[in-house]
Amino acid sequence: MFLGAVTPRDLDRMPRLVRAIRRDGAVWVVWKKGMPALKEDHVRKAGLAAGLVDVKVASFSPTHSALKLVIPKAAR
């Protein structure tokens, strides 16, 4: 599942996405690089609050970054 985010408030949808993915699925959060309003730490914190852990960060495009979040193996 992909979640495009512009502000930290967009990450409030994370718990609903966790319920929508398969136990071995993932949520990729994509955001614009260089935006002080939304950083990798915001995404990671929202993921942890929803019960997810980050396993990969990627350059989604020249202008956007992405963080892959999954349900921890112990919780699957």
PDB file of N, CA and C in Angstrom:
ATOM      1  N   MET A   1       0.845  -1.145   0.000  1.00  0.00           N
ATOM      2  CA  MET A   1       0.000   0.000   0.000  1.00  0.00           C
ATOM      3  C   MET A   1       0.908   1.230   0.000  1.00  0.00           C
ATOM      4  N   PHE A   2       0.495   2.276  -0.693  1.00  0.00           N
ATOM      5  CA  PHE A   2       1.240   3.530  -0.730  1.00  0.00           C
ATOM      6  C   PHE A   2       0.422   4.643  -0.088  1.00  0.00           C
ATOM      7  N   LEU A   3       1.094   5.480   0.670  1.00  0.00           N
ATOM      8  CA  LEU A   3       0.476   6.650   1.281  1.00  0.00           C
ATOM      9  C   LEU A   3       1.301   7.860   0.891  1.00  0.00           C
ATOM     10  N   GLY A   4       0.711   8.766   0.134  1.00  0.00           N
ATOM     11  CA  GLY A   4       1.361  10.028  -0.189  1.00  0.00           C
ATOM     12  C   GLY A   4       1.098  11.004   0.941  1.00  0.00           C
ATOM     13  N   ALA A   5       2.148  11.621   1.468  1.00  0.00           N
ATOM     14  CA  ALA A   5       2.001  12.525   2.612  1.00  0.00           C
ATOM     15  C   ALA A   5       2.653  13.872   2.306  1.00  0.00           C
ATOM     16  N   VAL A   6       1.998  14.932   2.777  1.00  0.00           N
ATOM     17  CA  VAL A   6       2.520  16.292   2.622  1.00  0.00           C
ATOM     18  C   VAL A   6       2.821  16.893   3.988  1.00  0.00           C
ATOM     19  N   THR A   7       1.985  16.561   4.976  1.00  0.00           N
ATOM     20  CA  THR A   7       2.162  17.076   6.328  1.00  0.00           C
ATOM     21  C   THR A   7       2.103  15.904   7.315  1.00  0.00           C
ATOM     22  N   PRO A   8       2.604  16.090   8.533  1.00  0.00           N
ATOM     23  CA  PRO A   8       2.492  15.021   9.537  1.00  0.00           C
ATOM     24  C   PRO A   8       1.048  14.583   9.774  1.00  0.00           C
ATOM     25  N   ARG A   9       0.115  15.476   9.606  1.00  0.00           N
ATOM     26  CA  ARG A   9      -1.303  15.127   9.800  1.00  0.00           C
ATOM     27  C   ARG A   9      -1.766  14.037   8.822  1.00  0.00           C
ATOM     28  N   ASP A  10      -1.176  14.008   7.639  1.00  0.00           N
ATOM     29  CA  ASP A  10      -1.520  12.963   6.667  1.00  0.00           C
ATOM     30  C   ASP A  10      -1.190  11.567   7.203  1.00  0.00           C
ATOM     31  N   LEU A  11      -0.246  11.507   8.119  1.00  0.00           N
ATOM     32  CA  LEU A  11       0.174  10.223   8.688  1.00  0.00           C
ATOM     33  C   LEU A  11      -0.836   9.678   9.695  1.00  0.00           C
ATOM     34  N   ASP A  12      -1.832  10.480  10.053  1.00  0.00           N
ATOM     35  CA  ASP A  12      -2.888  10.014  10.967  1.00  0.00           C
ATOM     36  C   ASP A  12      -3.667   8.846  10.378  1.00  0.00           C
ATOM     37  N   ARG A  13      -3.568   8.633   9.070  1.00  0.00           N
ATOM     38  CA  ARG A  13      -4.283   7.530   8.413  1.00  0.00           C
ATOM     39  C   ARG A  13      -3.567   6.191   8.585  1.00  0.00           C
ATOM     40  N   MET A  14      -2.357   6.216   9.140  1.00  0.00           N
ATOM     41  CA  MET A  14      -1.546   5.007   9.253  1.00  0.00           C
ATOM     42  C   MET A  14      -2.255   3.846   9.954  1.00  0.00           C
ATOM     43  N   PRO A  15      -2.905   4.033  11.119  1.00  0.00           N
ATOM     44  CA  PRO A  15      -3.561   2.884  11.770  1.00  0.00           C
ATOM     45  C   PRO A  15      -4.608   2.200  10.883  1.00  0.00           C
ATOM     46  N   ARG A  16      -5.322   2.978  10.094  1.00  0.00           N
ATOM     47  CA  ARG A  16      -6.322   2.400   9.197  1.00  0.00           C
ATOM     48  C   ARG A  16      -5.649   1.581   8.091  1.00  0.00           C
ATOM     49  N   LEU A  17      -4.503   2.054   7.618  1.00  0.00           N
ATOM     50  CA  LEU A  17      -3.775   1.321   6.579  1.00  0.00           C
ATOM     51  C   LEU A  17      -3.214   0.012   7.111  1.00  0.00           C
ATOM     52  N   VAL A  18      -2.778   0.012   8.371  1.00  0.00           N
ATOM     53  CA  VAL A  18      -2.255  -1.214   8.976  1.00  0.00           C
ATOM     54  C   VAL A  18      -3.321  -2.296   8.964  1.00  0.00           C
ATOM     55  N   ARG A  19      -4.552  -1.921   9.236  1.00  0.00           N
ATOM     56  CA  ARG A  19      -5.643  -2.905   9.237  1.00  0.00           C
ATOM     57  C   ARG A  19      -5.976  -3.389   7.827  1.00  0.00           C
ATOM     58  N   ALA A  20      -5.589  -2.625   6.807  1.00  0.00           N
ATOM     59  CA  ALA A  20      -5.934  -2.975   5.429  1.00  0.00           C
ATOM     60  C   ALA A  20      -4.887  -3.852   4.747  1.00  0.00           C
ATOM     61  N   ILE A  21      -3.669  -3.902   5.288  1.00  0.00           N
ATOM     62  CA  ILE A  21      -2.634  -4.696   4.628  1.00  0.00           C
ATOM     63  C   ILE A  21      -2.640  -6.133   5.143  1.00  0.00           C
ATOM     64  N   ARG A  22      -2.076  -7.032   4.341  1.00  0.00           N
ATOM     65  CA  ARG A  22      -1.879  -8.405   4.792  1.00  0.00           C
ATOM     66  C   ARG A  22      -0.820  -8.398   5.882  1.00  0.00           C
ATOM     67  N   ARG A  23      -0.784  -9.414   6.684  1.00  0.00           N
ATOM     68  CA  ARG A  23       0.180  -9.490   7.801  1.00  0.00           C
ATOM     69  C   ARG A  23       1.619  -9.393   7.314  1.00  0.00           C
ATOM     70  N   ASP A  24       1.894  -9.899   6.103  1.00  0.00           N
ATOM     71  CA  ASP A  24       3.240  -9.815   5.553  1.00  0.00           C
ATOM     72  C   ASP A  24       3.366  -8.708   4.508  1.00  0.00           C
ATOM     73  N   GLY A  25       2.388  -7.800   4.504  1.00  0.00           N
ATOM     74  CA  GLY A  25       2.395  -6.689   3.563  1.00  0.00           C
ATOM     75  C   GLY A  25       3.209  -5.510   4.080  1.00  0.00           C
ATOM     76  N   ALA A  26       3.098  -4.408   3.379  1.00  0.00           N
ATOM     77  CA  ALA A  26       3.870  -3.223   3.749  1.00  0.00           C
ATOM     78  C   ALA A  26       3.095  -1.955   3.410  1.00  0.00           C
ATOM     79  N   VAL A  27       3.449  -0.901   4.101  1.00  0.00           N
ATOM     80  CA  VAL A  27       2.964   0.443   3.787  1.00  0.00           C
ATOM     81  C   VAL A  27       4.191   1.253   3.377  1.00  0.00           C
ATOM     82  N   TRP A  28       4.157   1.793   2.191  1.00  0.00           N
ATOM     83  CA  TRP A  28       5.198   2.707   1.728  1.00  0.00           C
ATOM     84  C   TRP A  28       4.657   4.124   1.876  1.00  0.00           C
ATOM     85  N   VAL A  29       5.356   4.952   2.610  1.00  0.00           N
ATOM     86  CA  VAL A  29       4.968   6.362   2.742  1.00  0.00           C
ATOM     87  C   VAL A  29       5.898   7.164   1.840  1.00  0.00           C
ATOM     88  N   VAL A  30       5.314   7.976   0.983  1.00  0.00           N
ATOM     89  CA  VAL A  30       6.062   8.776   0.013  1.00  0.00           C
ATOM     90  C   VAL A  30       5.839  10.253   0.333  1.00  0.00           C
ATOM     91  N   TRP A  31       6.941  11.014   0.386  1.00  0.00           N
ATOM     92  CA  TRP A  31       6.842  12.449   0.662  1.00  0.00           C
ATOM     93  C   TRP A  31       7.904  13.192  -0.127  1.00  0.00           C
ATOM     94  N   LYS A  32       7.687  14.490  -0.324  1.00  0.00           N
ATOM     95  CA  LYS A  32       8.603  15.328  -1.088  1.00  0.00           C
ATOM     96  C   LYS A  32       9.884  15.574  -0.297  1.00  0.00           C
ATOM     97  N   LYS A  33      11.013  15.418  -0.969  1.00  0.00           N
ATOM     98  CA  LYS A  33      12.316  15.651  -0.338  1.00  0.00           C
ATOM     99  C   LYS A  33      12.475  17.134   0.019  1.00  0.00           C
ATOM    100  N   GLY A  34      13.199  17.364   1.109  1.00  0.00           N
ATOM    101  CA  GLY A  34      13.556  18.725   1.484  1.00  0.00           C
ATOM    102  C   GLY A  34      12.441  19.560   2.088  1.00  0.00           C
ATOM    103  N   MET A  35      11.353  18.932   2.476  1.00  0.00           N
ATOM    104  CA  MET A  35      10.237  19.662   3.085  1.00  0.00           C
ATOM    105  C   MET A  35      10.387  19.619   4.598  1.00  0.00           C
ATOM    106  N   PRO A  36      10.658  20.763   5.240  1.00  0.00           N
ATOM    107  CA  PRO A  36      10.847  20.746   6.694  1.00  0.00           C
ATOM    108  C   PRO A  36       9.588  20.346   7.464  1.00  0.00           C
ATOM    109  N   ALA A  37       8.417  20.508   6.859  1.00  0.00           N
ATOM    110  CA  ALA A  37       7.165  20.170   7.549  1.00  0.00           C
ATOM    111  C   ALA A  37       7.005  18.660   7.724  1.00  0.00           C
ATOM    112  N   LEU A  38       7.627  17.870   6.860  1.00  0.00           N
ATOM    113  CA  LEU A  38       7.498  16.412   6.937  1.00  0.00           C
ATOM    114  C   LEU A  38       8.856  15.787   6.647  1.00  0.00           C
ATOM    115  N   LYS A  39       9.362  15.075   7.621  1.00  0.00           N
ATOM    116  CA  LYS A  39      10.675  14.434   7.499  1.00  0.00           C
ATOM    117  C   LYS A  39      10.560  12.946   7.801  1.00  0.00           C
ATOM    118  N   GLU A  40      11.636  12.246   7.523  1.00  0.00           N
ATOM    119  CA  GLU A  40      11.683  10.799   7.759  1.00  0.00           C
ATOM    120  C   GLU A  40      11.357  10.450   9.212  1.00  0.00           C
ATOM    121  N   ASP A  41      11.802  11.258  10.147  1.00  0.00           N
ATOM    122  CA  ASP A  41      11.516  11.002  11.561  1.00  0.00           C
ATOM    123  C   ASP A  41      10.025  11.051  11.864  1.00  0.00           C
ATOM    124  N   HIS A  42       9.290  11.950  11.204  1.00  0.00           N
ATOM    125  CA  HIS A  42       7.834  12.015  11.382  1.00  0.00           C
ATOM    126  C   HIS A  42       7.190  10.707  10.930  1.00  0.00           C
ATOM    127  N   VAL A  43       7.637  10.225   9.766  1.00  0.00           N
ATOM    128  CA  VAL A  43       7.074   8.994   9.198  1.00  0.00           C
ATOM    129  C   VAL A  43       7.383   7.803  10.107  1.00  0.00           C
ATOM    130  N   ARG A  44       8.627   7.717  10.539  1.00  0.00           N
ATOM    131  CA  ARG A  44       9.035   6.607  11.410  1.00  0.00           C
ATOM    132  C   ARG A  44       8.229   6.614  12.714  1.00  0.00           C
ATOM    133  N   LYS A  45       8.062   7.774  13.309  1.00  0.00           N
ATOM    134  CA  LYS A  45       7.321   7.894  14.571  1.00  0.00           C
ATOM    135  C   LYS A  45       5.855   7.474  14.386  1.00  0.00           C
ATOM    136  N   ALA A  46       5.237   7.909  13.303  1.00  0.00           N
ATOM    137  CA  ALA A  46       3.842   7.537  13.035  1.00  0.00           C
ATOM    138  C   ALA A  46       3.720   6.039  12.801  1.00  0.00           C
ATOM    139  N   GLY A  47       4.698   5.473  12.112  1.00  0.00           N
ATOM    140  CA  GLY A  47       4.688   4.029  11.886  1.00  0.00           C
ATOM    141  C   GLY A  47       4.786   3.254  13.190  1.00  0.00           C
ATOM    142  N   LEU A  48       5.706   3.649  14.051  1.00  0.00           N
ATOM    143  CA  LEU A  48       5.853   2.980  15.349  1.00  0.00           C
ATOM    144  C   LEU A  48       4.579   3.078  16.174  1.00  0.00           C
ATOM    145  N   ALA A  49       3.946   4.245  16.153  1.00  0.00           N
ATOM    146  CA  ALA A  49       2.698   4.435  16.902  1.00  0.00           C
ATOM    147  C   ALA A  49       1.589   3.522  16.376  1.00  0.00           C
ATOM    148  N   ALA A  50       1.657   3.175  15.088  1.00  0.00           N
ATOM    149  CA  ALA A  50       0.652   2.294  14.485  1.00  0.00           C
ATOM    150  C   ALA A  50       1.054   0.824  14.554  1.00  0.00           C
ATOM    151  N   GLY A  51       2.209   0.525  15.163  1.00  0.00           N
ATOM    152  CA  GLY A  51       2.644  -0.855  15.301  1.00  0.00           C
ATOM    153  C   GLY A  51       3.521  -1.355  14.174  1.00  0.00           C
ATOM    154  N   LEU A  52       4.098  -0.436  13.399  1.00  0.00           N
ATOM    155  CA  LEU A  52       4.944  -0.812  12.276  1.00  0.00           C
ATOM    156  C   LEU A  52       6.403  -0.465  12.556  1.00  0.00           C
ATOM    157  N   VAL A  53       7.293  -1.134  11.862  1.00  0.00           N
ATOM    158  CA  VAL A  53       8.715  -0.814  11.932  1.00  0.00           C
ATOM    159  C   VAL A  53       9.202  -0.513  10.514  1.00  0.00           C
ATOM    160  N   ASP A  54      10.197   0.371  10.426  1.00  0.00           N
ATOM    161  CA  ASP A  54      10.730   0.700   9.103  1.00  0.00           C
ATOM    162  C   ASP A  54      11.824  -0.289   8.738  1.00  0.00           C
ATOM    163  N   VAL A  55      11.829  -0.684   7.470  1.00  0.00           N
ATOM    164  CA  VAL A  55      12.823  -1.644   7.003  1.00  0.00           C
ATOM    165  C   VAL A  55      13.615  -1.148   5.803  1.00  0.00           C
ATOM    166  N   LYS A  56      13.170  -0.065   5.180  1.00  0.00           N
ATOM    167  CA  LYS A  56      13.877   0.416   4.006  1.00  0.00           C
ATOM    168  C   LYS A  56      13.489   1.852   3.723  1.00  0.00           C
ATOM    169  N   VAL A  57      14.487   2.652   3.369  1.00  0.00           N
ATOM    170  CA  VAL A  57      14.244   4.004   2.875  1.00  0.00           C
ATOM    171  C   VAL A  57      14.758   4.027   1.445  1.00  0.00           C
ATOM    172  N   ALA A  58      14.036   4.726   0.581  1.00  0.00           N
ATOM    173  CA  ALA A  58      14.412   4.731  -0.832  1.00  0.00           C
ATOM    174  C   ALA A  58      14.183   6.094  -1.448  1.00  0.00           C
ATOM    175  N   SER A  59      14.938   6.350  -2.488  1.00  0.00           N
ATOM    176  CA  SER A  59      14.689   7.528  -3.301  1.00  0.00           C
ATOM    177  C   SER A  59      13.612   7.119  -4.301  1.00  0.00           C
ATOM    178  N   PHE A  60      12.393   7.533  -4.055  1.00  0.00           N
ATOM    179  CA  PHE A  60      11.248   7.139  -4.877  1.00  0.00           C
ATOM    180  C   PHE A  60      11.357   7.745  -6.274  1.00  0.00           C
ATOM    181  N   SER A  61      11.858   8.979  -6.319  1.00  0.00           N
ATOM    182  CA  SER A  61      12.059   9.704  -7.567  1.00  0.00           C
ATOM    183  C   SER A  61      13.087  10.799  -7.291  1.00  0.00           C
ATOM    184  N   PRO A  62      13.452  11.582  -8.275  1.00  0.00           N
ATOM    185  CA  PRO A  62      14.384  12.679  -7.997  1.00  0.00           C
ATOM    186  C   PRO A  62      13.846  13.697  -6.985  1.00  0.00           C
ATOM    187  N   THR A  63      12.532  13.749  -6.812  1.00  0.00           N
ATOM    188  CA  THR A  63      11.931  14.744  -5.920  1.00  0.00           C
ATOM    189  C   THR A  63      11.296  14.169  -4.663  1.00  0.00           C
ATOM    190  N   HIS A  64      11.137  12.836  -4.589  1.00  0.00           N
ATOM    191  CA  HIS A  64      10.422  12.232  -3.470  1.00  0.00           C
ATOM    192  C   HIS A  64      11.211  11.085  -2.825  1.00  0.00           C
ATOM    193  N   SER A  65      11.041  10.951  -1.515  1.00  0.00           N
ATOM    194  CA  SER A  65      11.595   9.843  -0.743  1.00  0.00           C
ATOM    195  C   SER A  65      10.461   8.912  -0.344  1.00  0.00           C
ATOM    196  N   ALA A  66      10.822   7.689   0.051  1.00  0.00           N
ATOM    197  CA  ALA A  66       9.820   6.721   0.499  1.00  0.00           C
ATOM    198  C   ALA A  66      10.403   5.887   1.634  1.00  0.00           C
ATOM    199  N   LEU A  67       9.552   5.521   2.570  1.00  0.00           N
ATOM    200  CA  LEU A  67       9.940   4.670   3.686  1.00  0.00           C
ATOM    201  C   LEU A  67       9.000   3.477   3.716  1.00  0.00           C
ATOM    202  N   LYS A  68       9.569   2.278   3.745  1.00  0.00           N
ATOM    203  CA  LYS A  68       8.785   1.046   3.800  1.00  0.00           C
ATOM    204  C   LYS A  68       8.606   0.650   5.254  1.00  0.00           C
ATOM    205  N   LEU A  69       7.357   0.443   5.643  1.00  0.00           N
ATOM    206  CA  LEU A  69       7.007   0.064   7.012  1.00  0.00           C
ATOM    207  C   LEU A  69       6.262  -1.267   6.984  1.00  0.00           C
ATOM    208  N   VAL A  70       6.613  -2.151   7.917  1.00  0.00           N
ATOM    209  CA  VAL A  70       5.979  -3.479   7.984  1.00  0.00           C
ATOM    210  C   VAL A  70       5.577  -3.801   9.412  1.00  0.00           C
ATOM    211  N   ILE A  71       4.709  -4.786   9.546  1.00  0.00           N
ATOM    212  CA  ILE A  71       4.364  -5.323  10.861  1.00  0.00           C
ATOM    213  C   ILE A  71       5.562  -6.151  11.327  1.00  0.00           C
ATOM    214  N   PRO A  72       6.049  -5.953  12.546  1.00  0.00           N
ATOM    215  CA  PRO A  72       7.205  -6.736  13.007  1.00  0.00           C
ATOM    216  C   PRO A  72       6.911  -8.243  12.932  1.00  0.00           C
ATOM    217  N   LYS A  73       7.926  -9.018  12.592  1.00  0.00           N
ATOM    218  CA  LYS A  73       7.745 -10.473  12.453  1.00  0.00           C
ATOM    219  C   LYS A  73       7.138 -11.100  13.700  1.00  0.00           C
ATOM    220  N   ALA A  74       7.526 -10.648  14.862  1.00  0.00           N
ATOM    221  CA  ALA A  74       7.016 -11.211  16.115  1.00  0.00           C
ATOM    222  C   ALA A  74       5.518 -10.973  16.286  1.00  0.00           C
ATOM    223  N   ALA A  75       4.975  -9.978  15.584  1.00  0.00           N
ATOM    224  CA  ALA A  75       3.551  -9.645  15.727  1.00  0.00           C
ATOM    225  C   ALA A  75       2.701 -10.193  14.587  1.00  0.00           C
ATOM    226  N   ARG A  76       3.309 -10.895  13.660  1.00  0.00           N
ATOM    227  CA  ARG A  76       2.535 -11.416  12.508  1.00  0.00           C
ATOM    228  C   ARG A  76       1.819 -12.695  12.842  1.00  0.00           C
TER     229      ARG A  76
END
